[in-house]
N, C-alpha and C. Protein backbone atom coordinates (compact mmCIF):
# COMPACT_ATOMS: atom_id res chain seq x y z
N MET A 1 95.16 122.93 114.48
CA MET A 1 96.33 122.90 113.63
C MET A 1 96.99 121.52 113.72
N GLU A 2 97.11 121.02 114.93
CA GLU A 2 97.75 119.71 115.13
C GLU A 2 96.92 118.60 114.50
N GLN A 3 95.60 118.76 114.53
CA GLN A 3 94.73 117.75 113.96
C GLN A 3 94.89 117.69 112.43
N GLN A 4 95.11 118.83 111.81
CA GLN A 4 95.33 118.85 110.36
C GLN A 4 96.64 118.14 110.00
N GLU A 5 97.66 118.31 110.83
CA GLU A 5 98.93 117.62 110.58
C GLU A 5 98.76 116.11 110.68
N LYS A 6 98.02 115.66 111.68
CA LYS A 6 97.77 114.23 111.83
C LYS A 6 97.01 113.69 110.62
N LYS A 7 96.02 114.45 110.16
CA LYS A 7 95.23 114.03 109.01
C LYS A 7 96.12 113.96 107.77
N LYS A 8 96.99 114.93 107.59
CA LYS A 8 97.88 114.95 106.44
C LYS A 8 98.87 113.79 106.49
N ASN A 9 99.42 113.50 107.67
CA ASN A 9 100.35 112.39 107.81
C ASN A 9 99.65 111.06 107.58
N TRP A 10 98.42 110.92 108.05
CA TRP A 10 97.67 109.69 107.83
C TRP A 10 97.45 109.46 106.35
N PHE A 11 97.10 110.54 105.65
CA PHE A 11 96.85 110.45 104.21
C PHE A 11 98.13 110.05 103.48
N ARG A 12 99.24 110.61 103.87
CA ARG A 12 100.54 110.29 103.25
C ARG A 12 100.91 108.83 103.54
N GLU A 13 100.71 108.38 104.75
CA GLU A 13 101.03 106.99 105.11
C GLU A 13 100.11 106.00 104.40
N PHE A 14 98.85 106.38 104.22
CA PHE A 14 97.89 105.49 103.57
C PHE A 14 98.30 105.23 102.13
N PHE A 15 98.80 106.24 101.44
CA PHE A 15 99.16 106.10 100.03
C PHE A 15 100.65 105.90 99.81
N SER A 16 101.40 105.63 100.86
CA SER A 16 102.83 105.41 100.66
C SER A 16 103.04 104.04 100.03
N LEU A 17 103.97 103.97 99.13
CA LEU A 17 104.27 102.73 98.45
C LEU A 17 105.64 102.23 98.86
N GLY A 18 105.96 102.36 100.13
CA GLY A 18 107.29 102.03 100.61
C GLY A 18 107.75 100.63 100.25
N GLU A 19 107.02 99.63 100.68
CA GLU A 19 107.45 98.26 100.43
C GLU A 19 107.27 97.87 98.97
N VAL A 20 106.16 98.26 98.37
CA VAL A 20 105.93 97.92 96.97
C VAL A 20 106.92 98.66 96.09
N GLY A 21 107.10 99.95 96.34
CA GLY A 21 108.07 100.71 95.56
C GLY A 21 109.49 100.20 95.75
N GLY A 22 109.80 99.83 96.97
CA GLY A 22 111.12 99.27 97.25
C GLY A 22 111.33 97.94 96.56
N TYR A 23 110.27 97.19 96.39
CA TYR A 23 110.38 95.89 95.72
C TYR A 23 110.72 96.07 94.25
N PHE A 24 110.14 97.10 93.62
CA PHE A 24 110.39 97.33 92.20
C PHE A 24 111.64 98.14 91.92
N PHE A 25 111.99 99.05 92.81
CA PHE A 25 113.05 100.01 92.51
C PHE A 25 114.23 99.94 93.47
N ARG A 26 114.51 98.80 94.03
CA ARG A 26 115.64 98.71 94.94
C ARG A 26 116.93 98.52 94.14
N GLY A 27 118.01 98.91 94.76
CA GLY A 27 119.30 98.79 94.10
C GLY A 27 119.86 97.38 94.20
N LYS A 28 120.95 97.16 93.50
CA LYS A 28 121.59 95.85 93.53
C LYS A 28 122.28 95.66 94.88
N ASP A 29 122.06 94.52 95.49
CA ASP A 29 122.70 94.17 96.75
C ASP A 29 123.74 93.09 96.47
N PRO A 30 125.02 93.38 96.67
CA PRO A 30 126.05 92.39 96.35
C PRO A 30 126.01 91.17 97.27
N ASN A 31 125.39 91.27 98.43
CA ASN A 31 125.32 90.15 99.36
C ASN A 31 124.16 89.21 99.08
N ARG A 32 123.25 89.63 98.21
CA ARG A 32 122.09 88.80 97.90
C ARG A 32 122.51 87.62 97.02
N PRO A 33 122.00 86.42 97.30
CA PRO A 33 122.38 85.27 96.48
C PRO A 33 121.87 85.42 95.05
N LYS A 34 122.64 84.91 94.10
CA LYS A 34 122.28 85.02 92.68
C LYS A 34 122.01 83.63 92.14
N SER A 35 120.75 83.28 92.03
CA SER A 35 120.38 82.01 91.45
C SER A 35 119.22 82.23 90.49
N PHE A 36 119.12 81.35 89.51
CA PHE A 36 118.06 81.47 88.52
C PHE A 36 116.68 81.34 89.18
N ASN A 37 116.55 80.42 90.12
CA ASN A 37 115.26 80.20 90.76
C ASN A 37 114.79 81.44 91.51
N LEU A 38 115.70 82.10 92.19
CA LEU A 38 115.34 83.31 92.93
C LEU A 38 114.95 84.43 91.97
N LYS A 39 115.69 84.59 90.88
CA LYS A 39 115.34 85.61 89.89
C LYS A 39 113.98 85.33 89.27
N ALA A 40 113.73 84.06 88.94
CA ALA A 40 112.44 83.70 88.34
C ALA A 40 111.30 83.98 89.32
N MET A 41 111.51 83.68 90.58
CA MET A 41 110.48 83.93 91.58
C MET A 41 110.17 85.42 91.68
N HIS A 42 111.19 86.26 91.69
CA HIS A 42 110.98 87.70 91.79
C HIS A 42 110.29 88.24 90.55
N ILE A 43 110.64 87.74 89.38
CA ILE A 43 109.98 88.19 88.15
C ILE A 43 108.51 87.82 88.17
N ILE A 44 108.20 86.60 88.59
CA ILE A 44 106.79 86.17 88.66
C ILE A 44 106.03 87.00 89.69
N ASN A 45 106.66 87.32 90.81
CA ASN A 45 106.00 88.16 91.82
C ASN A 45 105.73 89.56 91.29
N LYS A 46 106.68 90.12 90.56
CA LYS A 46 106.47 91.46 90.00
C LYS A 46 105.34 91.45 88.99
N ILE A 47 105.29 90.43 88.15
CA ILE A 47 104.19 90.32 87.18
C ILE A 47 102.85 90.20 87.89
N ALA A 48 102.80 89.39 88.94
CA ALA A 48 101.55 89.22 89.69
C ALA A 48 101.10 90.52 90.34
N ILE A 49 102.03 91.27 90.91
CA ILE A 49 101.68 92.55 91.54
C ILE A 49 101.16 93.53 90.50
N LEU A 50 101.82 93.60 89.34
CA LEU A 50 101.38 94.51 88.28
C LEU A 50 99.99 94.11 87.76
N MET A 51 99.77 92.83 87.56
CA MET A 51 98.45 92.38 87.10
C MET A 51 97.38 92.71 88.12
N PHE A 52 97.67 92.53 89.40
CA PHE A 52 96.71 92.87 90.45
C PHE A 52 96.38 94.36 90.42
N LEU A 53 97.38 95.20 90.31
CA LEU A 53 97.13 96.64 90.31
C LEU A 53 96.35 97.07 89.08
N VAL A 54 96.66 96.51 87.92
CA VAL A 54 95.92 96.85 86.70
C VAL A 54 94.46 96.41 86.84
N CYS A 55 94.24 95.21 87.32
CA CYS A 55 92.86 94.73 87.49
C CYS A 55 92.10 95.55 88.53
N LEU A 56 92.79 95.94 89.59
CA LEU A 56 92.14 96.78 90.60
C LEU A 56 91.72 98.12 90.01
N ILE A 57 92.56 98.69 89.19
CA ILE A 57 92.23 99.97 88.53
C ILE A 57 91.03 99.78 87.60
N ILE A 58 91.02 98.69 86.84
CA ILE A 58 89.89 98.42 85.93
C ILE A 58 88.60 98.23 86.71
N ILE A 59 88.65 97.48 87.80
CA ILE A 59 87.45 97.26 88.61
C ILE A 59 86.94 98.57 89.20
N LEU A 60 87.85 99.40 89.72
CA LEU A 60 87.42 100.69 90.28
C LEU A 60 86.86 101.60 89.20
N LYS A 61 87.45 101.59 88.02
CA LYS A 61 86.94 102.40 86.91
C LYS A 61 85.53 101.97 86.54
N ARG A 62 85.31 100.66 86.45
CA ARG A 62 83.99 100.16 86.10
C ARG A 62 82.98 100.46 87.20
N TYR A 63 83.40 100.41 88.43
CA TYR A 63 82.50 100.67 89.56
C TYR A 63 82.06 102.13 89.58
N PHE A 64 83.01 103.05 89.36
CA PHE A 64 82.69 104.46 89.47
C PHE A 64 82.17 105.06 88.16
N PHE A 65 82.65 104.57 87.01
CA PHE A 65 82.30 105.20 85.73
C PHE A 65 81.49 104.30 84.81
N GLY A 66 81.20 103.10 85.20
CA GLY A 66 80.44 102.18 84.35
C GLY A 66 81.31 101.58 83.27
N TYR A 67 80.71 100.75 82.43
CA TYR A 67 81.47 100.11 81.35
C TYR A 67 81.78 101.11 80.33
């Protein structure tokens, strides 16, 4: 029984999107500096992460299901 719990927790931790989800869906922090350069950097990072995830999905689809 205990081994099944460990397996379930491992599976949940493996697919947790804590940091990535927090990066996209975090609330406004009033103490965070507000500059154009910082906003631009975060927007570019978000675009890069989304492009990576889309490409990863396409590669996995092609690997498992063919063209």
